[in-house]
Amino acid sequence: MKVNDQEKQSLSDSIDKLNEGLDVIIQLYNDAEADKSLIAFEDDTIEIIEKAKGVYGEKEIDERINKIIKEILSLLPLDQIEKTKEKSK
């Protein structure tokens, strides 16, 4: 392929921009973290949640599940565990 100086420079600039974009994509890939679920729901639980979301809406069910989990976790002595960890340091 024959190109003049202006076309050659334009191709060179394009290659530089592609390399810069590739560097950004590589950095994003390197910084990416695995998306792990906090709770491993059983298949039947997932099915029930999906049905409930279909009936009551996603937002409503998310709010209710969050309230339930907060209530359950509030019954655990999490503050005492943190204090014990701090004392052992």
PDB file of N, CA and C in Angstrom:
ATOM      1  N   MET A   1       0.841  -1.157   0.000  1.00  0.00           N
ATOM      2  CA  MET A   1       0.000   0.000   0.000  1.00  0.00           C
ATOM      3  C   MET A   1       0.899   1.237   0.000  1.00  0.00           C
ATOM      4  N   LYS A   2       0.612   2.136  -0.882  1.00  0.00           N
ATOM      5  CA  LYS A   2       1.402   3.362  -0.970  1.00  0.00           C
ATOM      6  C   LYS A   2       0.656   4.484  -0.268  1.00  0.00           C
ATOM      7  N   VAL A   3       1.384   5.212   0.554  1.00  0.00           N
ATOM      8  CA  VAL A   3       0.787   6.336   1.276  1.00  0.00           C
ATOM      9  C   VAL A   3       1.734   7.521   1.218  1.00  0.00           C
ATOM     10  N   ASN A   4       1.167   8.707   1.285  1.00  0.00           N
ATOM     11  CA  ASN A   4       2.016   9.898   1.340  1.00  0.00           C
ATOM     12  C   ASN A   4       2.341  10.200   2.809  1.00  0.00           C
ATOM     13  N   ASP A   5       3.136  11.223   3.033  1.00  0.00           N
ATOM     14  CA  ASP A   5       3.576  11.546   4.391  1.00  0.00           C
ATOM     15  C   ASP A   5       2.411  11.888   5.316  1.00  0.00           C
ATOM     16  N   GLN A   6       1.427  12.619   4.793  1.00  0.00           N
ATOM     17  CA  GLN A   6       0.280  12.995   5.616  1.00  0.00           C
ATOM     18  C   GLN A   6      -0.526  11.759   6.021  1.00  0.00           C
ATOM     19  N   GLU A   7      -0.751  10.847   5.078  1.00  0.00           N
ATOM     20  CA  GLU A   7      -1.492   9.623   5.385  1.00  0.00           C
ATOM     21  C   GLU A   7      -0.701   8.742   6.362  1.00  0.00           C
ATOM     22  N   LYS A   8       0.603   8.701   6.198  1.00  0.00           N
ATOM     23  CA  LYS A   8       1.455   7.924   7.088  1.00  0.00           C
ATOM     24  C   LYS A   8       1.368   8.461   8.517  1.00  0.00           C
ATOM     25  N   GLN A   9       1.398   9.790   8.653  1.00  0.00           N
ATOM     26  CA  GLN A   9       1.288  10.404   9.974  1.00  0.00           C
ATOM     27  C   GLN A   9      -0.079  10.123  10.591  1.00  0.00           C
ATOM     28  N   SER A  10      -1.123  10.201   9.765  1.00  0.00           N
ATOM     29  CA  SER A  10      -2.483   9.931  10.237  1.00  0.00           C
ATOM     30  C   SER A  10      -2.593   8.486  10.734  1.00  0.00           C
ATOM     31  N   LEU A  11      -2.013   7.542   9.997  1.00  0.00           N
ATOM     32  CA  LEU A  11      -2.020   6.138  10.424  1.00  0.00           C
ATOM     33  C   LEU A  11      -1.225   5.960  11.723  1.00  0.00           C
ATOM     34  N   SER A  12      -0.107   6.638  11.833  1.00  0.00           N
ATOM     35  CA  SER A  12       0.714   6.571  13.042  1.00  0.00           C
ATOM     36  C   SER A  12      -0.047   7.114  14.251  1.00  0.00           C
ATOM     37  N   ASP A  13      -0.733   8.232  14.061  1.00  0.00           N
ATOM     38  CA  ASP A  13      -1.531   8.807  15.144  1.00  0.00           C
ATOM     39  C   ASP A  13      -2.657   7.852  15.560  1.00  0.00           C
ATOM     40  N   SER A  14      -3.275   7.224  14.589  1.00  0.00           N
ATOM     41  CA  SER A  14      -4.353   6.272  14.876  1.00  0.00           C
ATOM     42  C   SER A  14      -3.830   5.086  15.670  1.00  0.00           C
ATOM     43  N   ILE A  15      -2.670   4.586  15.296  1.00  0.00           N
ATOM     44  CA  ILE A  15      -2.058   3.462  16.021  1.00  0.00           C
ATOM     45  C   ILE A  15      -1.743   3.870  17.455  1.00  0.00           C
ATOM     46  N   ASP A  16      -1.228   5.088  17.639  1.00  0.00           N
ATOM     47  CA  ASP A  16      -0.945   5.578  18.993  1.00  0.00           C
ATOM     48  C   ASP A  16      -2.214   5.633  19.845  1.00  0.00           C
ATOM     49  N   LYS A  17      -3.307   6.111  19.256  1.00  0.00           N
ATOM     50  CA  LYS A  17      -4.567   6.187  19.990  1.00  0.00           C
ATOM     51  C   LYS A  17      -5.090   4.793  20.328  1.00  0.00           C
ATOM     52  N   LEU A  18      -4.958   3.853  19.400  1.00  0.00           N
ATOM     53  CA  LEU A  18      -5.370   2.474  19.672  1.00  0.00           C
ATOM     54  C   LEU A  18      -4.550   1.881  20.814  1.00  0.00           C
ATOM     55  N   ASN A  19      -3.253   2.147  20.828  1.00  0.00           N
ATOM     56  CA  ASN A  19      -2.391   1.642  21.900  1.00  0.00           C
ATOM     57  C   ASN A  19      -2.781   2.243  23.251  1.00  0.00           C
ATOM     58  N   GLU A  20      -3.080   3.539  23.260  1.00  0.00           N
ATOM     59  CA  GLU A  20      -3.511   4.185  24.497  1.00  0.00           C
ATOM     60  C   GLU A  20      -4.810   3.556  25.001  1.00  0.00           C
ATOM     61  N   GLY A  21      -5.752   3.326  24.097  1.00  0.00           N
ATOM     62  CA  GLY A  21      -7.019   2.698  24.469  1.00  0.00           C
ATOM     63  C   GLY A  21      -6.807   1.290  24.994  1.00  0.00           C
ATOM     64  N   LEU A  22      -5.921   0.549  24.357  1.00  0.00           N
ATOM     65  CA  LEU A  22      -5.613  -0.809  24.798  1.00  0.00           C
ATOM     66  C   LEU A  22      -4.991  -0.791  26.186  1.00  0.00           C
ATOM     67  N   ASP A  23      -4.114   0.172  26.446  1.00  0.00           N
ATOM     68  CA  ASP A  23      -3.508   0.294  27.781  1.00  0.00           C
ATOM     69  C   ASP A  23      -4.576   0.535  28.849  1.00  0.00           C
ATOM     70  N   VAL A  24      -5.563   1.367  28.526  1.00  0.00           N
ATOM     71  CA  VAL A  24      -6.646   1.641  29.473  1.00  0.00           C
ATOM     72  C   VAL A  24      -7.453   0.368  29.732  1.00  0.00           C
ATOM     73  N   ILE A  25      -7.760  -0.369  28.683  1.00  0.00           N
ATOM     74  CA  ILE A  25      -8.525  -1.607  28.831  1.00  0.00           C
ATOM     75  C   ILE A  25      -7.744  -2.623  29.663  1.00  0.00           C
ATOM     76  N   ILE A  26      -6.453  -2.741  29.427  1.00  0.00           N
ATOM     77  CA  ILE A  26      -5.618  -3.660  30.197  1.00  0.00           C
ATOM     78  C   ILE A  26      -5.600  -3.250  31.666  1.00  0.00           C
ATOM     79  N   GLN A  27      -5.503  -1.954  31.948  1.00  0.00           N
ATOM     80  CA  GLN A  27      -5.505  -1.474  33.332  1.00  0.00           C
ATOM     81  C   GLN A  27      -6.831  -1.777  34.005  1.00  0.00           C
ATOM     82  N   LEU A  28      -7.944  -1.569  33.291  1.00  0.00           N
ATOM     83  CA  LEU A  28      -9.262  -1.900  33.841  1.00  0.00           C
ATOM     84  C   LEU A  28      -9.354  -3.386  34.153  1.00  0.00           C
ATOM     85  N   TYR A  29      -8.848  -4.213  33.266  1.00  0.00           N
ATOM     86  CA  TYR A  29      -8.861  -5.655  33.477  1.00  0.00           C
ATOM     87  C   TYR A  29      -8.031  -6.021  34.702  1.00  0.00           C
ATOM     88  N   ASN A  30      -6.859  -5.437  34.815  1.00  0.00           N
ATOM     89  CA  ASN A  30      -5.973  -5.742  35.944  1.00  0.00           C
ATOM     90  C   ASN A  30      -6.565  -5.281  37.274  1.00  0.00           C
ATOM     91  N   ASP A  31      -7.337  -4.193  37.259  1.00  0.00           N
ATOM     92  CA  ASP A  31      -7.934  -3.660  38.478  1.00  0.00           C
ATOM     93  C   ASP A  31      -9.258  -4.340  38.841  1.00  0.00           C
ATOM     94  N   ALA A  32      -9.797  -5.126  37.924  1.00  0.00           N
ATOM     95  CA  ALA A  32     -11.099  -5.754  38.150  1.00  0.00           C
ATOM     96  C   ALA A  32     -11.006  -6.790  39.268  1.00  0.00           C
ATOM     97  N   GLU A  33     -12.078  -6.861  40.044  1.00  0.00           N
ATOM     98  CA  GLU A  33     -12.168  -7.828  41.126  1.00  0.00           C
ATOM     99  C   GLU A  33     -13.304  -8.798  40.822  1.00  0.00           C
ATOM    100  N   ALA A  34     -13.178  -9.990  41.343  1.00  0.00           N
ATOM    101  CA  ALA A  34     -14.232 -10.981  41.157  1.00  0.00           C
ATOM    102  C   ALA A  34     -15.475 -10.534  41.921  1.00  0.00           C
ATOM    103  N   ASP A  35     -16.614 -10.708  41.312  1.00  0.00           N
ATOM    104  CA  ASP A  35     -17.878 -10.351  41.939  1.00  0.00           C
ATOM    105  C   ASP A  35     -18.382 -11.559  42.717  1.00  0.00           C
ATOM    106  N   LYS A  36     -18.204 -11.511  44.033  1.00  0.00           N
ATOM    107  CA  LYS A  36     -18.633 -12.619  44.879  1.00  0.00           C
ATOM    108  C   LYS A  36     -19.906 -12.229  45.614  1.00  0.00           C
ATOM    109  N   SER A  37     -20.840 -13.156  45.654  1.00  0.00           N
ATOM    110  CA  SER A  37     -22.072 -12.928  46.398  1.00  0.00           C
ATOM    111  C   SER A  37     -21.783 -12.973  47.887  1.00  0.00           C
ATOM    112  N   LEU A  38     -22.422 -12.102  48.639  1.00  0.00           N
ATOM    113  CA  LEU A  38     -22.268 -12.130  50.085  1.00  0.00           C
ATOM    114  C   LEU A  38     -23.010 -13.307  50.703  1.00  0.00           C
ATOM    115  N   ILE A  39     -24.121 -13.671  50.086  1.00  0.00           N
ATOM    116  CA  ILE A  39     -24.934 -14.772  50.588  1.00  0.00           C
ATOM    117  C   ILE A  39     -25.099 -15.791  49.461  1.00  0.00           C
ATOM    118  N   ALA A  40     -24.844 -17.051  49.771  1.00  0.00           N
ATOM    119  CA  ALA A  40     -25.014 -18.130  48.790  1.00  0.00           C
ATOM    120  C   ALA A  40     -26.409 -18.719  48.969  1.00  0.00           C
ATOM    121  N   PHE A  41     -27.375 -18.126  48.272  1.00  0.00           N
ATOM    122  CA  PHE A  41     -28.751 -18.619  48.363  1.00  0.00           C
ATOM    123  C   PHE A  41     -28.863 -19.981  47.694  1.00  0.00           C
ATOM    124  N   GLU A  42     -29.705 -20.833  48.267  1.00  0.00           N
ATOM    125  CA  GLU A  42     -29.998 -22.122  47.650  1.00  0.00           C
ATOM    126  C   GLU A  42     -30.914 -21.885  46.459  1.00  0.00           C
ATOM    127  N   ASP A  43     -30.927 -22.844  45.538  1.00  0.00           N
ATOM    128  CA  ASP A  43     -31.721 -22.686  44.311  1.00  0.00           C
ATOM    129  C   ASP A  43     -33.196 -22.437  44.596  1.00  0.00           C
ATOM    130  N   ASP A  44     -33.768 -23.161  45.563  1.00  0.00           N
ATOM    131  CA  ASP A  44     -35.191 -22.962  45.846  1.00  0.00           C
ATOM    132  C   ASP A  44     -35.458 -21.590  46.456  1.00  0.00           C
ATOM    133  N   THR A  45     -34.499 -21.066  47.215  1.00  0.00           N
ATOM    134  CA  THR A  45     -34.640 -19.723  47.779  1.00  0.00           C
ATOM    135  C   THR A  45     -34.598 -18.675  46.673  1.00  0.00           C
ATOM    136  N   ILE A  46     -33.697 -18.847  45.739  1.00  0.00           N
ATOM    137  CA  ILE A  46     -33.610 -17.925  44.598  1.00  0.00           C
ATOM    138  C   ILE A  46     -34.914 -17.924  43.818  1.00  0.00           C
ATOM    139  N   GLU A  47     -35.484 -19.099  43.632  1.00  0.00           N
ATOM    140  CA  GLU A  47     -36.743 -19.217  42.901  1.00  0.00           C
ATOM    141  C   GLU A  47     -37.872 -18.467  43.621  1.00  0.00           C
ATOM    142  N   ILE A  48     -37.921 -18.595  44.934  1.00  0.00           N
ATOM    143  CA  ILE A  48     -38.950 -17.909  45.725  1.00  0.00           C
ATOM    144  C   ILE A  48     -38.755 -16.397  45.650  1.00  0.00           C
ATOM    145  N   ILE A  49     -37.510 -15.951  45.760  1.00  0.00           N
ATOM    146  CA  ILE A  49     -37.219 -14.513  45.678  1.00  0.00           C
ATOM    147  C   ILE A  49     -37.629 -13.968  44.313  1.00  0.00           C
ATOM    148  N   GLU A  50     -37.305 -14.687  43.249  1.00  0.00           N
ATOM    149  CA  GLU A  50     -37.669 -14.233  41.905  1.00  0.00           C
ATOM    150  C   GLU A  50     -39.181 -14.142  41.734  1.00  0.00           C
ATOM    151  N   LYS A  51     -39.904 -15.123  42.268  1.00  0.00           N
ATOM    152  CA  LYS A  51     -41.374 -15.082  42.192  1.00  0.00           C
ATOM    153  C   LYS A  51     -41.911 -13.875  42.956  1.00  0.00           C
ATOM    154  N   ALA A  52     -41.371 -13.654  44.156  1.00  0.00           N
ATOM    155  CA  ALA A  52     -41.823 -12.523  44.976  1.00  0.00           C
ATOM    156  C   ALA A  52     -41.543 -11.199  44.282  1.00  0.00           C
ATOM    157  N   LYS A  53     -40.383 -11.090  43.649  1.00  0.00           N
ATOM    158  CA  LYS A  53     -40.057  -9.856  42.928  1.00  0.00           C
ATOM    159  C   LYS A  53     -41.017  -9.636  41.766  1.00  0.00           C
ATOM    160  N   GLY A  54     -41.438 -10.746  41.137  1.00  0.00           N
ATOM    161  CA  GLY A  54     -42.400 -10.642  40.047  1.00  0.00           C
ATOM    162  C   GLY A  54     -43.744 -10.129  40.516  1.00  0.00           C
ATOM    163  N   VAL A  55     -44.134 -10.493  41.742  1.00  0.00           N
ATOM    164  CA  VAL A  55     -45.428 -10.091  42.278  1.00  0.00           C
ATOM    165  C   VAL A  55     -45.364  -8.705  42.930  1.00  0.00           C
ATOM    166  N   TYR A  56     -44.362  -8.487  43.796  1.00  0.00           N
ATOM    167  CA  TYR A  56     -44.303  -7.264  44.591  1.00  0.00           C
ATOM    168  C   TYR A  56     -43.328  -6.210  44.064  1.00  0.00           C
ATOM    169  N   GLY A  57     -42.510  -6.592  43.109  1.00  0.00           N
ATOM    170  CA  GLY A  57     -41.520  -5.667  42.563  1.00  0.00           C
ATOM    171  C   GLY A  57     -40.168  -5.849  43.219  1.00  0.00           C
ATOM    172  N   GLU A  58     -39.143  -5.601  42.440  1.00  0.00           N
ATOM    173  CA  GLU A  58     -37.774  -5.821  42.894  1.00  0.00           C
ATOM    174  C   GLU A  58     -37.415  -4.945  44.096  1.00  0.00           C
ATOM    175  N   LYS A  59     -37.766  -3.681  44.037  1.00  0.00           N
ATOM    176  CA  LYS A  59     -37.411  -2.747  45.109  1.00  0.00           C
ATOM    177  C   LYS A  59     -38.031  -3.174  46.440  1.00  0.00           C
ATOM    178  N   GLU A  60     -39.296  -3.519  46.420  1.00  0.00           N
ATOM    179  CA  GLU A  60     -40.002  -3.909  47.646  1.00  0.00           C
ATOM    180  C   GLU A  60     -39.361  -5.144  48.282  1.00  0.00           C
ATOM    181  N   ILE A  61     -39.071  -6.141  47.485  1.00  0.00           N
ATOM    182  CA  ILE A  61     -38.485  -7.380  48.018  1.00  0.00           C
ATOM    183  C   ILE A  61     -37.066  -7.135  48.498  1.00  0.00           C
ATOM    184  N   ASP A  62     -36.289  -6.348  47.762  1.00  0.00           N
ATOM    185  CA  ASP A  62     -34.926  -6.014  48.208  1.00  0.00           C
ATOM    186  C   ASP A  62     -34.961  -5.332  49.570  1.00  0.00           C
ATOM    187  N   GLU A  63     -35.888  -4.393  49.744  1.00  0.00           N
ATOM    188  CA  GLU A  63     -36.008  -3.686  51.025  1.00  0.00           C
ATOM    189  C   GLU A  63     -36.372  -4.647  52.151  1.00  0.00           C
ATOM    190  N   ARG A  64     -37.311  -5.538  51.879  1.00  0.00           N
ATOM    191  CA  ARG A  64     -37.742  -6.493  52.918  1.00  0.00           C
ATOM    192  C   ARG A  64     -36.617  -7.455  53.285  1.00  0.00           C
ATOM    193  N   ILE A  65     -35.902  -7.960  52.291  1.00  0.00           N
ATOM    194  CA  ILE A  65     -34.787  -8.874  52.565  1.00  0.00           C
ATOM    195  C   ILE A  65     -33.706  -8.156  53.369  1.00  0.00           C
ATOM    196  N   ASN A  66     -33.409  -6.922  53.016  1.00  0.00           N
ATOM    197  CA  ASN A  66     -32.415  -6.146  53.764  1.00  0.00           C
ATOM    198  C   ASN A  66     -32.841  -5.954  55.214  1.00  0.00           C
ATOM    199  N   LYS A  67     -34.118  -5.644  55.449  1.00  0.00           N
ATOM    200  CA  LYS A  67     -34.620  -5.466  56.814  1.00  0.00           C
ATOM    201  C   LYS A  67     -34.483  -6.758  57.612  1.00  0.00           C
ATOM    202  N   ILE A  68     -34.848  -7.872  56.988  1.00  0.00           N
ATOM    203  CA  ILE A  68     -34.767  -9.167  57.672  1.00  0.00           C
ATOM    204  C   ILE A  68     -33.327  -9.492  58.038  1.00  0.00           C
ATOM    205  N   ILE A  69     -32.406  -9.306  57.110  1.00  0.00           N
ATOM    206  CA  ILE A  69     -30.998  -9.617  57.368  1.00  0.00           C
ATOM    207  C   ILE A  69     -30.440  -8.716  58.457  1.00  0.00           C
ATOM    208  N   LYS A  70     -30.774  -7.436  58.420  1.00  0.00           N
ATOM    209  CA  LYS A  70     -30.316  -6.515  59.471  1.00  0.00           C
ATOM    210  C   LYS A  70     -30.836  -6.957  60.831  1.00  0.00           C
ATOM    211  N   GLU A  71     -32.095  -7.352  60.883  1.00  0.00           N
ATOM    212  CA  GLU A  71     -32.693  -7.794  62.143  1.00  0.00           C
ATOM    213  C   GLU A  71     -31.997  -9.051  62.667  1.00  0.00           C
ATOM    214  N   ILE A  72     -31.739 -10.000  61.794  1.00  0.00           N
ATOM    215  CA  ILE A  72     -31.059 -11.231  62.208  1.00  0.00           C
ATOM    216  C   ILE A  72     -29.648 -10.927  62.693  1.00  0.00           C
ATOM    217  N   LEU A  73     -28.936 -10.112  61.958  1.00  0.00           N
ATOM    218  CA  LEU A  73     -27.555  -9.793  62.350  1.00  0.00           C
ATOM    219  C   LEU A  73     -27.497  -8.945  63.611  1.00  0.00           C
ATOM    220  N   SER A  74     -28.555  -8.189  63.879  1.00  0.00           N
ATOM    221  CA  SER A  74     -28.568  -7.387  65.101  1.00  0.00           C
ATOM    222  C   SER A  74     -28.644  -8.275  66.344  1.00  0.00           C
ATOM    223  N   LEU A  75     -29.079  -9.504  66.193  1.00  0.00           N
ATOM    224  CA  LEU A  75     -29.156 -10.438  67.310  1.00  0.00           C
ATOM    225  C   LEU A  75     -27.804 -11.064  67.644  1.00  0.00           C
ATOM    226  N   LEU A  76     -26.856 -10.931  66.733  1.00  0.00           N
ATOM    227  CA  LEU A  76     -25.526 -11.489  66.965  1.00  0.00           C
ATOM    228  C   LEU A  76     -24.659 -10.486  67.714  1.00  0.00           C
ATOM    229  N   PRO A  77     -23.755 -10.960  68.548  1.00  0.00           N
ATOM    230  CA  PRO A  77     -22.891 -10.053  69.322  1.00  0.00           C
ATOM    231  C   PRO A  77     -21.705  -9.540  68.502  1.00  0.00           C
ATOM    232  N   LEU A  78     -21.991  -8.854  67.407  1.00  0.00           N
ATOM    233  CA  LEU A  78     -20.922  -8.391  66.511  1.00  0.00           C
ATOM    234  C   LEU A  78     -20.024  -7.366  67.175  1.00  0.00           C
ATOM    235  N   ASP A  79     -20.578  -6.509  68.023  1.00  0.00           N
ATOM    236  CA  ASP A  79     -19.774  -5.504  68.721  1.00  0.00           C
ATOM    237  C   ASP A  79     -18.758  -6.160  69.640  1.00  0.00           C
ATOM    238  N   GLN A  80     -19.164  -7.211  70.310  1.00  0.00           N
ATOM    239  CA  GLN A  80     -18.257  -7.912  71.223  1.00  0.00           C
ATOM    240  C   GLN A  80     -17.120  -8.567  70.456  1.00  0.00           C
ATOM    241  N   ILE A  81     -17.409  -9.083  69.289  1.00  0.00           N
ATOM    242  CA  ILE A  81     -16.375  -9.723  68.466  1.00  0.00           C
ATOM    243  C   ILE A  81     -15.342  -8.690  68.051  1.00  0.00           C
ATOM    244  N   GLU A  82     -15.790  -7.497  67.630  1.00  0.00           N
ATOM    245  CA  GLU A  82     -14.871  -6.433  67.232  1.00  0.00           C
ATOM    246  C   GLU A  82     -14.001  -6.007  68.412  1.00  0.00           C
ATOM    247  N   LYS A  83     -14.594  -5.871  69.600  1.00  0.00           N
ATOM    248  CA  LYS A  83     -13.834  -5.475  70.780  1.00  0.00           C
ATOM    249  C   LYS A  83     -12.792  -6.533  71.141  1.00  0.00           C
ATOM    250  N   THR A  84     -13.159  -7.814  70.991  1.00  0.00           N
ATOM    251  CA  THR A  84     -12.231  -8.905  71.277  1.00  0.00           C
ATOM    252  C   THR A  84     -11.065  -8.888  70.299  1.00  0.00           C
ATOM    253  N   LYS A  85     -11.355  -8.615  69.031  1.00  0.00           N
ATOM    254  CA  LYS A  85     -10.291  -8.534  68.023  1.00  0.00           C
ATOM    255  C   LYS A  85      -9.347  -7.388  68.324  1.00  0.00           C
ATOM    256  N   GLU A  86      -9.890  -6.241  68.733  1.00  0.00           N
ATOM    257  CA  GLU A  86      -9.053  -5.070  69.033  1.00  0.00           C
ATOM    258  C   GLU A  86      -8.168  -5.327  70.235  1.00  0.00           C
ATOM    259  N   LYS A  87      -8.663  -6.021  71.257  1.00  0.00           N
ATOM    260  CA  LYS A  87      -7.889  -6.313  72.450  1.00  0.00           C
ATOM    261  C   LYS A  87      -6.748  -7.287  72.153  1.00  0.00           C
ATOM    262  N   SER A  88      -6.966  -8.200  71.201  1.00  0.00           N
ATOM    263  CA  SER A  88      -5.954  -9.213  70.899  1.00  0.00           C
ATOM    264  C   SER A  88      -4.816  -8.656  70.045  1.00  0.00           C
ATOM    265  N   LYS A  89      -4.951  -7.435  69.529  1.00  0.00           N
ATOM    266  CA  LYS A  89      -3.902  -6.834  68.688  1.00  0.00           C
ATOM    267  C   LYS A  89      -2.786  -6.314  69.481  1.00  0.00           C
TER     268      LYS A  89
END
